[in-house]
């Protein structure tokens, strides 16, 4: 027996969250305009949050790379200074 249509995961999620909403959507009845407006505002807020978070993660990565570079340069200067001191003190 072949099912007449495929049930999507989003439908199962909607049914579990609110069976009444799922039933309305099956009959072609959409949410009221104020609910759509509220949902769009939440989506916009979520998009903004994710964009800002992504930018913060990128900045943190750049700071880590910059810090690692500065540590390497600092260690190179210390090693160079030590070797210079050692060379000069051994040749005297």
Protein backbone atom coordinates (compact mmCIF):
# COMPACT_ATOMS: atom_id res chain seq x y z
CA UNK A 1 0.00 0.00 0.00
CA UNK A 2 1.56 3.28 -1.15
CA UNK A 3 0.79 6.39 0.89
CA UNK A 4 -1.12 9.07 -0.99
CA UNK A 5 1.33 11.79 0.02
CA UNK A 6 4.60 12.23 1.84
CA UNK A 7 4.47 13.61 5.36
CA UNK A 8 7.22 16.14 5.95
CA UNK A 9 9.14 16.54 9.21
CA UNK A 10 7.93 20.14 9.50
CA UNK A 11 4.32 18.88 9.46
CA UNK A 12 5.07 16.46 12.29
CA UNK A 13 6.74 19.26 14.24
CA UNK A 14 3.74 21.54 13.66
CA UNK A 15 1.28 18.81 14.67
CA UNK A 16 3.20 18.02 17.85
CA UNK A 17 3.48 21.70 18.75
CA UNK A 18 -0.14 22.57 17.99
CA UNK A 19 -2.56 20.05 16.43
CA UNK A 20 -5.17 22.77 15.91
CA UNK A 21 -2.75 24.90 13.87
CA UNK A 22 -1.85 21.83 11.81
CA UNK A 23 -5.54 21.08 11.16
CA UNK A 24 -6.21 24.69 10.12
CA UNK A 25 -3.29 24.64 7.72
CA UNK A 26 -4.54 21.34 6.21
CA UNK A 27 -7.86 23.07 5.48
CA UNK A 28 -6.10 26.07 3.92
CA UNK A 29 -6.80 28.40 6.82
CA UNK A 30 -3.75 30.55 7.56
CA UNK A 31 -2.82 32.41 10.71
CA UNK A 32 -4.29 35.87 11.34
CA UNK A 33 -2.36 38.84 9.89
CA UNK A 34 -1.18 40.05 13.30
CA UNK A 35 0.37 36.64 13.98
CA UNK A 36 2.16 36.72 10.63
CA UNK A 37 3.42 40.23 11.38
CA UNK A 38 4.66 39.10 14.81
CA UNK A 39 6.38 36.06 13.31
CA UNK A 40 8.09 38.17 10.63
CA UNK A 41 9.35 40.53 13.35
CA UNK A 42 10.77 37.56 15.28
CA UNK A 43 12.43 36.22 12.12
CA UNK A 44 14.00 39.63 11.47
CA UNK A 45 15.23 39.77 15.07
CA UNK A 46 16.64 36.25 14.78
CA UNK A 47 18.38 37.06 11.50
CA UNK A 48 19.94 40.14 13.08
CA UNK A 49 21.11 38.12 16.10
CA UNK A 50 22.69 35.43 13.92
CA UNK A 51 24.42 37.99 11.70
CA UNK A 52 25.84 39.85 14.74
CA UNK A 53 26.92 36.56 16.33
CA UNK A 54 28.65 35.47 13.13
CA UNK A 55 30.50 38.79 12.93
CA UNK A 56 31.58 38.42 16.57
CA UNK A 57 32.87 34.91 15.89
CA UNK A 58 34.86 36.18 12.90
CA UNK A 59 36.32 39.02 14.98
CA UNK A 60 37.30 36.58 17.73
CA UNK A 61 39.03 34.36 15.19
CA UNK A 62 40.95 37.33 13.80
CA UNK A 63 41.99 38.36 17.30
CA UNK A 64 43.19 34.83 18.06
CA UNK A 65 45.22 34.74 14.86
CA UNK A 66 46.68 38.18 15.60
CA UNK A 67 47.52 37.12 19.16
CA UNK A 68 49.20 33.93 17.96
CA UNK A 69 51.22 35.93 15.43
CA UNK A 70 52.34 38.40 18.10
CA UNK A 71 53.36 35.56 20.41
CA UNK A 72 55.42 33.99 17.62
CA UNK A 73 57.10 37.31 16.85
CA UNK A 74 57.78 37.85 20.55
CA UNK A 75 59.31 34.41 20.93
CA UNK A 76 61.43 34.96 17.82
CA UNK A 77 62.73 38.24 19.25
CA UNK A 78 63.52 36.56 22.58
CA UNK A 79 65.34 33.68 20.87
CA UNK A 80 67.21 36.11 18.60
CA UNK A 81 68.19 38.22 21.63
CA UNK A 82 69.35 35.15 23.56
CA UNK A 83 71.40 33.86 20.63
CA UNK A 84 72.93 37.30 20.11
CA UNK A 85 73.81 37.53 23.81
CA UNK A 86 75.23 33.99 23.78
CA UNK A 87 77.30 34.67 20.67
CA UNK A 88 78.68 37.93 22.00
CA UNK A 89 79.44 36.50 25.46
CA UNK A 90 81.15 33.38 24.07
CA UNK A 91 83.36 35.29 21.64
CA UNK A 92 84.80 37.56 24.39
